[in-house]
PDB file of N, CA and C in Angstrom:
ATOM      1  N   MET A   1      12.622   7.166  -8.894  1.00  0.00           N
ATOM      2  CA  MET A   1      12.016   8.388  -7.827  1.00  0.00           C
ATOM      3  C   MET A   1      13.330   8.995  -7.103  1.00  0.00           C
ATOM      4  N   SER A   2      13.948   9.730  -7.597  1.00  0.00           N
ATOM      5  CA  SER A   2      15.119  10.779  -7.377  1.00  0.00           C
ATOM      6  C   SER A   2      14.974  11.847  -6.443  1.00  0.00           C
ATOM      7  N   ALA A   3      13.515  12.676  -6.907  1.00  0.00           N
ATOM      8  CA  ALA A   3      12.860  13.915  -6.028  1.00  0.00           C
ATOM      9  C   ALA A   3      12.079  13.592  -4.899  1.00  0.00           C
ATOM     10  N   ARG A   4      12.040  13.795  -3.681  1.00  0.00           N
ATOM     11  CA  ARG A   4      11.223  13.506  -2.906  1.00  0.00           C
ATOM     12  C   ARG A   4       9.957  13.540  -2.915  1.00  0.00           C
ATOM     13  N   VAL A   5       8.648  13.494  -2.780  1.00  0.00           N
ATOM     14  CA  VAL A   5       7.793  12.966  -3.119  1.00  0.00           C
ATOM     15  C   VAL A   5       6.477  13.210  -1.684  1.00  0.00           C
ATOM     16  N   ASP A   6       5.336  13.425  -1.845  1.00  0.00           N
ATOM     17  CA  ASP A   6       4.964  13.714  -0.780  1.00  0.00           C
ATOM     18  C   ASP A   6       3.788  12.586  -0.959  1.00  0.00           C
ATOM     19  N   GLY A   7       3.050  12.762   0.067  1.00  0.00           N
ATOM     20  CA  GLY A   7       2.221  11.169   0.067  1.00  0.00           C
ATOM     21  C   GLY A   7       1.234  11.709  -0.928  1.00  0.00           C
ATOM     22  N   GLY A   8       0.038  10.687  -0.957  1.00  0.00           N
ATOM     23  CA  GLY A   8      -0.573  10.545  -2.267  1.00  0.00           C
ATOM     24  C   GLY A   8      -0.770   9.167  -2.836  1.00  0.00           C
ATOM     25  N   VAL A   9      -1.591   8.903  -3.976  1.00  0.00           N
ATOM     26  CA  VAL A   9      -1.942   7.688  -4.908  1.00  0.00           C
ATOM     27  C   VAL A   9      -1.192   8.656  -6.019  1.00  0.00           C
ATOM     28  N   ARG A  10      -0.003   7.138  -6.836  1.00  0.00           N
ATOM     29  CA  ARG A  10       0.224   7.698  -7.932  1.00  0.00           C
ATOM     30  C   ARG A  10       0.277   5.925  -8.550  1.00  0.00           C
ATOM     31  N   ARG A  11       0.052   5.730  -9.627  1.00  0.00           N
ATOM     32  CA  ARG A  11       0.787   4.861 -10.313  1.00  0.00           C
ATOM     33  C   ARG A  11       1.859   4.908 -11.278  1.00  0.00           C
ATOM     34  N   VAL A  12       2.201   4.022 -11.334  1.00  0.00           N
ATOM     35  CA  VAL A  12       3.510   3.588 -12.181  1.00  0.00           C
ATOM     36  C   VAL A  12       3.904   2.497 -12.945  1.00  0.00           C
ATOM     37  N   LEU A  13       5.116   2.638 -14.246  1.00  0.00           N
ATOM     38  CA  LEU A  13       4.739   2.126 -15.122  1.00  0.00           C
ATOM     39  C   LEU A  13       5.943   1.044 -14.166  1.00  0.00           C
ATOM     40  N   GLY A  14       6.204  -0.109 -13.991  1.00  0.00           N
ATOM     41  CA  GLY A  14       7.868  -0.907 -13.985  1.00  0.00           C
ATOM     42  C   GLY A  14       6.915  -1.883 -12.988  1.00  0.00           C
ATOM     43  N   PRO A  15       7.755  -3.089 -12.269  1.00  0.00           N
ATOM     44  CA  PRO A  15       7.700  -4.041 -11.383  1.00  0.00           C
ATOM     45  C   PRO A  15       7.806  -3.816  -9.649  1.00  0.00           C
ATOM     46  N   GLY A  16       6.691  -4.194  -8.300  1.00  0.00           N
ATOM     47  CA  GLY A  16       6.922  -3.528  -7.644  1.00  0.00           C
ATOM     48  C   GLY A  16       8.073  -3.008  -6.757  1.00  0.00           C
ATOM     49  N   ASP A  17       8.659  -4.506  -7.078  1.00  0.00           N
ATOM     50  CA  ASP A  17       9.720  -4.513  -6.226  1.00  0.00           C
ATOM     51  C   ASP A  17      11.021  -4.155  -7.060  1.00  0.00           C
ATOM     52  N   GLU A  18      11.122  -3.252  -7.656  1.00  0.00           N
ATOM     53  CA  GLU A  18      12.298  -2.365  -8.340  1.00  0.00           C
ATOM     54  C   GLU A  18      11.324  -0.941  -8.394  1.00  0.00           C
ATOM     55  N   VAL A  19      10.394  -0.521  -8.191  1.00  0.00           N
ATOM     56  CA  VAL A  19       9.908   0.686  -7.667  1.00  0.00           C
ATOM     57  C   VAL A  19      10.389   0.801  -6.244  1.00  0.00           C
ATOM     58  N   ALA A  20       9.478  -0.311  -5.174  1.00  0.00           N
ATOM     59  CA  ALA A  20      10.403  -0.184  -3.836  1.00  0.00           C
ATOM     60  C   ALA A  20      11.876   0.123  -3.555  1.00  0.00           C
ATOM     61  N   GLY A  21      12.618  -0.653  -4.803  1.00  0.00           N
ATOM     62  CA  GLY A  21      14.063  -0.517  -4.190  1.00  0.00           C
ATOM     63  C   GLY A  21      14.132   1.395  -4.353  1.00  0.00           C
ATOM     64  N   LEU A  22      13.461   1.832  -5.479  1.00  0.00           N
ATOM     65  CA  LEU A  22      13.811   3.614  -5.657  1.00  0.00           C
ATOM     66  C   LEU A  22      13.294   3.888  -4.509  1.00  0.00           C
ATOM     67  N   LEU A  23      12.639   3.644  -3.972  1.00  0.00           N
ATOM     68  CA  LEU A  23      11.586   4.164  -3.102  1.00  0.00           C
ATOM     69  C   LEU A  23      12.871   4.399  -1.509  1.00  0.00           C
ATOM     70  N   VAL A  24      13.184   2.681  -1.271  1.00  0.00           N
ATOM     71  CA  VAL A  24      13.862   2.468   0.093  1.00  0.00           C
ATOM     72  C   VAL A  24      15.082   3.947  -0.419  1.00  0.00           C
ATOM     73  N   GLU A  25      16.086   3.367  -1.711  1.00  0.00           N
ATOM     74  CA  GLU A  25      16.962   4.626  -1.552  1.00  0.00           C
ATOM     75  C   GLU A  25      16.634   6.169  -1.400  1.00  0.00           C
ATOM     76  N   ASP A  26      15.726   6.810  -2.305  1.00  0.00           N
ATOM     77  CA  ASP A  26      14.914   7.879  -1.466  1.00  0.00           C
ATOM     78  C   ASP A  26      14.706   7.752  -0.273  1.00  0.00           C
ATOM     79  N   GLY A  27      14.626   7.089   0.612  1.00  0.00           N
ATOM     80  CA  GLY A  27      14.325   7.488   2.659  1.00  0.00           C
ATOM     81  C   GLY A  27      13.381   6.880   2.741  1.00  0.00           C
ATOM     82  N   TRP A  28      12.524   6.127   2.254  1.00  0.00           N
ATOM     83  CA  TRP A  28      10.662   6.156   2.557  1.00  0.00           C
ATOM     84  C   TRP A  28      10.900   5.185   3.277  1.00  0.00           C
ATOM     85  N   ASP A  29      10.336   4.456   3.521  1.00  0.00           N
ATOM     86  CA  ASP A  29      10.078   3.011   4.372  1.00  0.00           C
ATOM     87  C   ASP A  29       9.184   2.677   3.741  1.00  0.00           C
ATOM     88  N   VAL A  30       9.285   1.368   3.676  1.00  0.00           N
ATOM     89  CA  VAL A  30       8.863   0.536   1.972  1.00  0.00           C
ATOM     90  C   VAL A  30       7.958  -0.950   2.881  1.00  0.00           C
ATOM     91  N   ALA A  31       6.709  -0.546   2.115  1.00  0.00           N
ATOM     92  CA  ALA A  31       5.959  -2.430   2.365  1.00  0.00           C
ATOM     93  C   ALA A  31       5.504  -2.224   0.813  1.00  0.00           C
ATOM     94  N   LEU A  32       6.042  -3.839   0.555  1.00  0.00           N
ATOM     95  CA  LEU A  32       5.647  -3.816  -0.358  1.00  0.00           C
ATOM     96  C   LEU A  32       4.606  -4.942  -0.641  1.00  0.00           C
ATOM     97  N   VAL A  33       3.377  -5.155  -1.156  1.00  0.00           N
ATOM     98  CA  VAL A  33       2.614  -5.646  -0.947  1.00  0.00           C
ATOM     99  C   VAL A  33       1.968  -6.739  -2.199  1.00  0.00           C
ATOM    100  N   PRO A  34       2.479  -7.574  -2.243  1.00  0.00           N
ATOM    101  CA  PRO A  34       2.557  -8.440  -3.672  1.00  0.00           C
ATOM    102  C   PRO A  34       1.050  -9.039  -4.097  1.00  0.00           C
ATOM    103  N   ARG A  35       1.180  -9.595  -5.162  1.00  0.00           N
ATOM    104  CA  ARG A  35       0.170  -9.345  -6.001  1.00  0.00           C
ATOM    105  C   ARG A  35      -0.782 -10.166  -6.181  1.00  0.00           C
ATOM    106  N   ALA A  36      -2.218 -10.347  -5.842  1.00  0.00           N
ATOM    107  CA  ALA A  36      -3.023 -10.613  -5.176  1.00  0.00           C
ATOM    108  C   ALA A  36      -4.707 -10.373  -6.169  1.00  0.00           C
ATOM    109  N   SER A  37      -4.858 -11.862  -5.872  1.00  0.00           N
ATOM    110  CA  SER A  37      -6.416 -11.383  -6.602  1.00  0.00           C
ATOM    111  C   SER A  37      -7.342 -11.481  -6.060  1.00  0.00           C
ATOM    112  N   GLY A  38      -7.023 -12.390  -5.068  1.00  0.00           N
ATOM    113  CA  GLY A  38      -8.406 -13.420  -3.392  1.00  0.00           C
ATOM    114  C   GLY A  38      -7.971 -12.041  -2.836  1.00  0.00           C
ATOM    115  N   ASP A  39      -9.141 -11.964  -1.156  1.00  0.00           N
ATOM    116  CA  ASP A  39      -8.939 -12.144  -0.201  1.00  0.00           C
ATOM    117  C   ASP A  39      -8.109 -12.490   0.759  1.00  0.00           C
ATOM    118  N   ASP A  40      -7.808 -13.778   0.217  1.00  0.00           N
ATOM    119  CA  ASP A  40      -7.469 -13.784   1.327  1.00  0.00           C
ATOM    120  C   ASP A  40      -5.626 -13.925   1.271  1.00  0.00           C
ATOM    121  N   ALA A  41      -5.331 -13.565   0.613  1.00  0.00           N
ATOM    122  CA  ALA A  41      -3.740 -13.466  -0.365  1.00  0.00           C
ATOM    123  C   ALA A  41      -3.832 -11.696  -0.553  1.00  0.00           C
ATOM    124  N   HIS A  42      -4.747 -11.400  -0.430  1.00  0.00           N
ATOM    125  CA  HIS A  42      -4.663  -9.459  -0.298  1.00  0.00           C
ATOM    126  C   HIS A  42      -4.239  -9.341   0.673  1.00  0.00           C
ATOM    127  N   TRP A  43      -5.234  -9.707   1.979  1.00  0.00           N
ATOM    128  CA  TRP A  43      -4.759  -9.518   3.439  1.00  0.00           C
ATOM    129  C   TRP A  43      -3.663  -9.973   3.696  1.00  0.00           C
ATOM    130  N   ASP A  44      -3.562 -11.263   3.745  1.00  0.00           N
ATOM    131  CA  ASP A  44      -2.406 -12.084   4.115  1.00  0.00           C
ATOM    132  C   ASP A  44      -1.013 -10.551   3.772  1.00  0.00           C
ATOM    133  N   GLY A  45      -0.815 -10.651   2.256  1.00  0.00           N
ATOM    134  CA  GLY A  45       0.109  -9.555   1.685  1.00  0.00           C
ATOM    135  C   GLY A  45       0.729  -8.169   2.174  1.00  0.00           C
ATOM    136  N   LEU A  46      -1.024  -7.277   2.933  1.00  0.00           N
ATOM    137  CA  LEU A  46      -0.522  -6.644   3.653  1.00  0.00           C
ATOM    138  C   LEU A  46      -0.140  -6.522   4.618  1.00  0.00           C
ATOM    139  N   ALA A  47      -0.981  -7.725   5.440  1.00  0.00           N
ATOM    140  CA  ALA A  47      -0.112  -7.927   6.667  1.00  0.00           C
ATOM    141  C   ALA A  47       1.171  -8.410   6.935  1.00  0.00           C
ATOM    142  N   SER A  48       1.475  -8.658   5.839  1.00  0.00           N
ATOM    143  CA  SER A  48       3.185  -9.060   5.770  1.00  0.00           C
ATOM    144  C   SER A  48       4.085  -8.245   5.593  1.00  0.00           C
ATOM    145  N   ALA A  49       3.489  -7.371   5.021  1.00  0.00           N
ATOM    146  CA  ALA A  49       4.035  -6.509   4.213  1.00  0.00           C
ATOM    147  C   ALA A  49       4.448  -4.703   5.370  1.00  0.00           C
ATOM    148  N   LEU A  50       3.103  -4.705   6.240  1.00  0.00           N
ATOM    149  CA  LEU A  50       3.166  -3.780   7.375  1.00  0.00           C
ATOM    150  C   LEU A  50       3.938  -4.456   8.455  1.00  0.00           C
ATOM    151  N   ALA A  51       3.843  -5.895   8.067  1.00  0.00           N
ATOM    152  CA  ALA A  51       4.428  -6.829   9.099  1.00  0.00           C
ATOM    153  C   ALA A  51       3.690  -6.625  10.881  1.00  0.00           C
ATOM    154  N   LEU A  52       2.106  -6.812  10.792  1.00  0.00           N
ATOM    155  CA  LEU A  52       1.267  -6.811  11.831  1.00  0.00           C
ATOM    156  C   LEU A  52       1.123  -7.938  12.104  1.00  0.00           C
ATOM    157  N   PRO A  53       0.348  -7.918  13.278  1.00  0.00           N
ATOM    158  CA  PRO A  53       0.673  -9.174  14.380  1.00  0.00           C
ATOM    159  C   PRO A  53      -0.430 -10.363  13.360  1.00  0.00           C
ATOM    160  N   GLY A  54      -0.302 -11.293  14.053  1.00  0.00           N
ATOM    161  CA  GLY A  54      -1.661 -12.228  13.439  1.00  0.00           C
ATOM    162  C   GLY A  54      -2.544 -12.160  14.225  1.00  0.00           C
ATOM    163  N   TRP A  55      -3.142 -11.198  14.869  1.00  0.00           N
ATOM    164  CA  TRP A  55      -4.265 -10.864  15.204  1.00  0.00           C
ATOM    165  C   TRP A  55      -5.169  -9.991  14.559  1.00  0.00           C
ATOM    166  N   PHE A  56      -4.032  -9.674  13.675  1.00  0.00           N
ATOM    167  CA  PHE A  56      -5.034  -8.104  12.773  1.00  0.00           C
ATOM    168  C   PHE A  56      -6.086  -8.513  12.102  1.00  0.00           C
ATOM    169  N   GLY A  57      -6.698  -7.710  12.385  1.00  0.00           N
ATOM    170  CA  GLY A  57      -8.554  -8.195  11.772  1.00  0.00           C
ATOM    171  C   GLY A  57      -8.600  -8.244  10.320  1.00  0.00           C
ATOM    172  N   ARG A  58      -7.917  -7.568   9.395  1.00  0.00           N
ATOM    173  CA  ARG A  58      -8.219  -8.478   8.393  1.00  0.00           C
ATOM    174  C   ARG A  58      -9.489  -7.358   7.774  1.00  0.00           C
ATOM    175  N   ASN A  59      -9.516  -6.444   7.993  1.00  0.00           N
ATOM    176  CA  ASN A  59     -10.685  -5.446   7.203  1.00  0.00           C
ATOM    177  C   ASN A  59     -10.104  -3.837   7.189  1.00  0.00           C
ATOM    178  N   LEU A  60     -11.210  -3.103   6.895  1.00  0.00           N
ATOM    179  CA  LEU A  60     -10.624  -1.760   6.581  1.00  0.00           C
ATOM    180  C   LEU A  60     -10.814  -0.799   7.454  1.00  0.00           C
ATOM    181  N   ASP A  61     -11.370  -1.307   8.625  1.00  0.00           N
ATOM    182  CA  ASP A  61     -11.048  -0.678   9.327  1.00  0.00           C
ATOM    183  C   ASP A  61     -10.325  -0.687  10.333  1.00  0.00           C
ATOM    184  N   ALA A  62      -9.788  -2.081  10.352  1.00  0.00           N
ATOM    185  CA  ALA A  62      -8.499  -2.091  11.035  1.00  0.00           C
ATOM    186  C   ALA A  62      -7.036  -1.329   9.652  1.00  0.00           C
ATOM    187  N   LEU A  63      -7.207  -1.820   8.959  1.00  0.00           N
ATOM    188  CA  LEU A  63      -6.304  -1.330   8.387  1.00  0.00           C
ATOM    189  C   LEU A  63      -6.067   0.403   8.212  1.00  0.00           C
ATOM    190  N   ASP A  64      -7.407   0.709   8.651  1.00  0.00           N
ATOM    191  CA  ASP A  64      -7.170   2.185   8.527  1.00  0.00           C
ATOM    192  C   ASP A  64      -6.861   2.527  10.063  1.00  0.00           C
ATOM    193  N   GLU A  65      -7.051   1.490  11.070  1.00  0.00           N
ATOM    194  CA  GLU A  65      -6.166   2.041  12.460  1.00  0.00           C
ATOM    195  C   GLU A  65      -4.488   2.338  12.321  1.00  0.00           C
ATOM    196  N   VAL A  66      -4.400   0.770  11.808  1.00  0.00           N
ATOM    197  CA  VAL A  66      -2.769   0.441  11.238  1.00  0.00           C
ATOM    198  C   VAL A  66      -2.242   1.682  10.803  1.00  0.00           C
ATOM    199  N   LEU A  67      -2.382   2.491  10.023  1.00  0.00           N
ATOM    200  CA  LEU A  67      -2.236   3.010   9.015  1.00  0.00           C
ATOM    201  C   LEU A  67      -2.365   4.228   9.914  1.00  0.00           C
ATOM    202  N   HIS A  68      -3.000   4.820  10.608  1.00  0.00           N
ATOM    203  CA  HIS A  68      -2.836   6.064  11.201  1.00  0.00           C
ATOM    204  C   HIS A  68      -2.165   5.911  12.141  1.00  0.00           C
ATOM    205  N   ASP A  69      -1.331   5.024  12.805  1.00  0.00           N
ATOM    206  CA  ASP A  69      -0.191   4.863  13.545  1.00  0.00           C
ATOM    207  C   ASP A  69       1.166   4.755  13.246  1.00  0.00           C
ATOM    208  N   LEU A  70       0.741   4.898  12.325  1.00  0.00           N
ATOM    209  CA  LEU A  70       2.655   4.906  11.113  1.00  0.00           C
ATOM    210  C   LEU A  70       3.038   6.180  11.501  1.00  0.00           C
ATOM    211  N   GLU A  71       4.043   6.210  11.851  1.00  0.00           N
ATOM    212  CA  GLU A  71       5.074   7.498  12.425  1.00  0.00           C
ATOM    213  C   GLU A  71       6.227   7.985  11.468  1.00  0.00           C
ATOM    214  N   ARG A  72       6.191   7.542  10.903  1.00  0.00           N
ATOM    215  CA  ARG A  72       7.347   7.889   9.855  1.00  0.00           C
ATOM    216  C   ARG A  72       6.380   7.648   8.380  1.00  0.00           C
ATOM    217  N   PRO A  73       7.359   8.706   7.542  1.00  0.00           N
ATOM    218  CA  PRO A  73       6.662   8.579   5.495  1.00  0.00           C
ATOM    219  C   PRO A  73       7.010   7.000   5.177  1.00  0.00           C
ATOM    220  N   THR A  74       6.180   6.674   4.814  1.00  0.00           N
ATOM    221  CA  THR A  74       5.515   5.590   4.036  1.00  0.00           C
ATOM    222  C   THR A  74       4.527   5.110   2.526  1.00  0.00           C
ATOM    223  N   ALA A  75       5.920   4.351   2.022  1.00  0.00           N
ATOM    224  CA  ALA A  75       5.693   3.894   0.730  1.00  0.00           C
ATOM    225  C   ALA A  75       4.530   2.606   0.640  1.00  0.00           C
ATOM    226  N   LEU A  76       3.188   2.524  -0.201  1.00  0.00           N
ATOM    227  CA  LEU A  76       2.955   1.348   0.290  1.00  0.00           C
ATOM    228  C   LEU A  76       2.603   1.137  -1.452  1.00  0.00           C
ATOM    229  N   VAL A  77       3.368   0.436  -1.552  1.00  0.00           N
ATOM    230  CA  VAL A  77       4.070  -0.444  -2.827  1.00  0.00           C
ATOM    231  C   VAL A  77       2.621  -1.651  -3.183  1.00  0.00           C
ATOM    232  N   LEU A  78       1.691  -1.329  -4.475  1.00  0.00           N
ATOM    233  CA  LEU A  78       1.074  -2.361  -4.334  1.00  0.00           C
ATOM    234  C   LEU A  78       1.177  -3.125  -5.668  1.00  0.00           C
ATOM    235  N   ALA A  79       1.996  -3.924  -5.864  1.00  0.00           N
ATOM    236  CA  ALA A  79       2.592  -4.865  -6.690  1.00  0.00           C
ATOM    237  C   ALA A  79       1.140  -5.339  -7.665  1.00  0.00           C
ATOM    238  N   ALA A  80       0.961  -5.082  -9.190  1.00  0.00           N
ATOM    239  CA  ALA A  80       0.200  -5.853  -9.957  1.00  0.00           C
ATOM    240  C   ALA A  80      -1.516  -5.631  -9.007  1.00  0.00           C
ATOM    241  N   TRP A  81      -2.035  -4.283  -8.705  1.00  0.00           N
ATOM    242  CA  TRP A  81      -2.669  -4.004  -8.130  1.00  0.00           C
ATOM    243  C   TRP A  81      -3.925  -4.345  -8.890  1.00  0.00           C
ATOM    244  N   TRP A  82      -3.718  -4.373  -9.860  1.00  0.00           N
ATOM    245  CA  TRP A  82      -4.996  -4.624 -11.679  1.00  0.00           C
ATOM    246  C   TRP A  82      -5.821  -6.337 -11.052  1.00  0.00           C
ATOM    247  N   ALA A  83      -5.419  -6.695 -10.622  1.00  0.00           N
ATOM    248  CA  ALA A  83      -4.730  -8.408 -10.162  1.00  0.00           C
ATOM    249  C   ALA A  83      -6.694  -8.611  -9.631  1.00  0.00           C
ATOM    250  N   TYR A  84      -6.066  -7.769  -8.224  1.00  0.00           N
ATOM    251  CA  TYR A  84      -6.700  -7.634  -7.140  1.00  0.00           C
ATOM    252  C   TYR A  84      -8.179  -6.700  -7.393  1.00  0.00           C
ATOM    253  N   ALA A  85      -8.058  -5.572  -8.300  1.00  0.00           N
ATOM    254  CA  ALA A  85      -9.186  -4.590  -8.805  1.00  0.00           C
ATOM    255  C   ALA A  85      -9.919  -5.564  -9.397  1.00  0.00           C
ATOM    256  N   THR A  86      -9.035  -5.960 -10.432  1.00  0.00           N
ATOM    257  CA  THR A  86     -10.567  -6.725 -10.960  1.00  0.00           C
ATOM    258  C   THR A  86     -10.722  -7.624 -10.757  1.00  0.00           C
ATOM    259  N   ALA A  87     -10.898  -8.856  -9.699  1.00  0.00           N
ATOM    260  CA  ALA A  87     -11.038  -9.979  -9.094  1.00  0.00           C
ATOM    261  C   ALA A  87     -12.317  -9.757  -8.147  1.00  0.00           C
ATOM    262  N   ARG A  88     -12.349  -8.250  -7.831  1.00  0.00           N
ATOM    263  CA  ARG A  88     -13.083  -7.791  -6.232  1.00  0.00           C
ATOM    264  C   ARG A  88     -13.103  -6.568  -6.785  1.00  0.00           C
ATOM    265  N   PRO A  89     -13.830  -5.800  -7.876  1.00  0.00           N
ATOM    266  CA  PRO A  89     -13.972  -4.271  -7.848  1.00  0.00           C
ATOM    267  C   PRO A  89     -14.678  -3.190  -6.877  1.00  0.00           C
ATOM    268  N   GLU A  90     -15.246  -3.486  -6.162  1.00  0.00           N
ATOM    269  CA  GLU A  90     -16.281  -3.580  -4.924  1.00  0.00           C
ATOM    270  C   GLU A  90     -15.283  -3.388  -3.905  1.00  0.00           C
ATOM    271  N   ARG A  91     -14.415  -4.418  -3.684  1.00  0.00           N
ATOM    272  CA  ARG A  91     -13.867  -4.094  -2.303  1.00  0.00           C
ATOM    273  C   ARG A  91     -12.529  -3.753  -3.083  1.00  0.00           C
ATOM    274  N   TRP A  92     -11.712  -3.314  -4.148  1.00  0.00           N
ATOM    275  CA  TRP A  92     -10.751  -2.478  -4.613  1.00  0.00           C
ATOM    276  C   TRP A  92     -11.389  -1.142  -4.233  1.00  0.00           C
ATOM    277  N   ALA A  93     -12.003  -0.700  -4.563  1.00  0.00           N
ATOM    278  CA  ALA A  93     -12.800   0.889  -4.722  1.00  0.00           C
ATOM    279  C   ALA A  93     -13.110   1.378  -2.918  1.00  0.00           C
ATOM    280  N   ALA A  94     -12.806   0.542  -2.279  1.00  0.00           N
ATOM    281  CA  ALA A  94     -13.580   0.768  -1.098  1.00  0.00           C
ATOM    282  C   ALA A  94     -12.175   0.932  -0.441  1.00  0.00           C
ATOM    283  N   LEU A  95     -11.192   0.021  -0.246  1.00  0.00           N
ATOM    284  CA  LEU A  95      -9.565  -0.096  -0.192  1.00  0.00           C
ATOM    285  C   LEU A  95      -8.680   1.135  -0.406  1.00  0.00           C
ATOM    286  N   LEU A  96      -8.884   1.554  -2.348  1.00  0.00           N
ATOM    287  CA  LEU A  96      -8.565   2.682  -2.905  1.00  0.00           C
ATOM    288  C   LEU A  96      -9.534   3.736  -2.277  1.00  0.00           C
ATOM    289  N   GLU A  97     -10.034   4.106  -1.654  1.00  0.00           N
ATOM    290  CA  GLU A  97     -10.593   5.478  -1.302  1.00  0.00           C
ATOM    291  C   GLU A  97     -10.130   6.052   0.349  1.00  0.00           C
ATOM    292  N   LEU A  98      -9.822   4.267   0.666  1.00  0.00           N
ATOM    293  CA  LEU A  98      -9.622   4.903   2.716  1.00  0.00           C
ATOM    294  C   LEU A  98      -8.098   4.682   1.701  1.00  0.00           C
ATOM    295  N   LEU A  99      -7.536   3.786   1.678  1.00  0.00           N
ATOM    296  CA  LEU A  99      -5.667   4.722   0.860  1.00  0.00           C
ATOM    297  C   LEU A  99      -5.632   6.364   0.256  1.00  0.00           C
ATOM    298  N   THR A 100      -6.602   6.430  -0.230  1.00  0.00           N
ATOM    299  CA  THR A 100      -6.198   8.017  -0.475  1.00  0.00           C
ATOM    300  C   THR A 100      -6.556   8.668   0.105  1.00  0.00           C
ATOM    301  N   GLU A 101      -7.472   9.078   0.937  1.00  0.00           N
ATOM    302  CA  GLU A 101      -7.951   9.859   2.391  1.00  0.00           C
ATOM    303  C   GLU A 101      -6.723   9.925   3.600  1.00  0.00           C
ATOM    304  N   ARG A 102      -6.070   8.246   3.594  1.00  0.00           N
ATOM    305  CA  ARG A 102      -5.229   8.367   4.332  1.00  0.00           C
ATOM    306  C   ARG A 102      -3.679   8.919   4.048  1.00  0.00           C
ATOM    307  N   SER A 103      -4.012   9.113   2.534  1.00  0.00           N
ATOM    308  CA  SER A 103      -2.760   9.493   2.066  1.00  0.00           C
ATOM    309  C   SER A 103      -1.975  11.010   1.762  1.00  0.00           C
ATOM    310  N   LEU A 104      -3.502  12.042   2.193  1.00  0.00           N
ATOM    311  CA  LEU A 104      -3.648  13.188   2.419  1.00  0.00           C
ATOM    312  C   LEU A 104      -3.247  13.683   3.938  1.00  0.00           C
ATOM    313  N   GLU A 105      -3.216  12.364   4.272  1.00  0.00           N
ATOM    314  CA  GLU A 105      -2.893  12.938   6.221  1.00  0.00           C
ATOM    315  C   GLU A 105      -1.357  12.875   6.087  1.00  0.00           C
ATOM    316  N   GLU A 106      -0.672  12.876   7.555  1.00  0.00           N
ATOM    317  CA  GLU A 106       0.662  13.265   8.253  1.00  0.00           C
ATOM    318  C   GLU A 106       0.586  11.870   9.050  1.00  0.00           C
ATOM    319  N   PRO A 107       2.061  11.354   9.013  1.00  0.00           N
ATOM    320  CA  PRO A 107       3.431  11.146   8.524  1.00  0.00           C
ATOM    321  C   PRO A 107       3.017  10.825   6.684  1.00  0.00           C
ATOM    322  N   PRO A 108       3.222  11.218   5.933  1.00  0.00           N
ATOM    323  CA  PRO A 108       3.234  11.500   4.587  1.00  0.00           C
ATOM    324  C   PRO A 108       2.765   9.688   4.077  1.00  0.00           C
ATOM    325  N   LEU A 109       1.887   8.835   3.097  1.00  0.00           N
ATOM    326  CA  LEU A 109       1.534   8.093   3.413  1.00  0.00           C
ATOM    327  C   LEU A 109       1.572   7.979   1.379  1.00  0.00           C
ATOM    328  N   LEU A 110       2.403   7.746   0.477  1.00  0.00           N
ATOM    329  CA  LEU A 110       2.780   7.158  -0.438  1.00  0.00           C
ATOM    330  C   LEU A 110       1.891   6.046  -1.208  1.00  0.00           C
ATOM    331  N   VAL A 111       1.226   6.134  -1.379  1.00  0.00           N
ATOM    332  CA  VAL A 111       0.151   4.544  -2.324  1.00  0.00           C
ATOM    333  C   VAL A 111       0.892   4.318  -3.628  1.00  0.00           C
ATOM    334  N   VAL A 112       1.413   3.814  -3.603  1.00  0.00           N
ATOM    335  CA  VAL A 112       2.045   3.862  -5.395  1.00  0.00           C
ATOM    336  C   VAL A 112       1.358   1.880  -6.160  1.00  0.00           C
ATOM    337  N   LEU A 113       0.549   1.747  -7.164  1.00  0.00           N
ATOM    338  CA  LEU A 113       0.317   1.263  -7.488  1.00  0.00           C
ATOM    339  C   LEU A 113       0.838   0.970  -8.761  1.00  0.00           C
ATOM    340  N   ALA A 114       2.046  -0.477  -8.772  1.00  0.00           N
ATOM    341  CA  ALA A 114       2.745  -0.756  -9.654  1.00  0.00           C
ATOM    342  C   ALA A 114       2.437  -1.349 -10.211  1.00  0.00           C
ATOM    343  N   ASP A 115       2.724  -1.719 -11.969  1.00  0.00           N
ATOM    344  CA  ASP A 115       2.195  -2.396 -12.957  1.00  0.00           C
ATOM    345  C   ASP A 115       2.910  -4.088 -13.101  1.00  0.00           C
TER     346      ASP A 115
END
């Protein structure tokens, strides 16, 4: 990822940690969310990757607020995203819709679906 990319949602081939490293080299603030197939692990991963406090609401409304509070271009790298999408398809669809909408706003949010 040597050329500067604006926000948006992109699917890339490659492990999340390698993709995250390339994005850091390109100057992005990177939040790497590890593979999760259940709700608890998914929210734990998001909270950890975004360095959220323990009282974070663990729901889409709270996540939307947090993402709107970002002040710098940020890449949210979802490692093995397909695990959660397969296990929780309705929740994944709602999450992807939220991330897609936020990725079109400023500051840039790049959502990377890493395999």
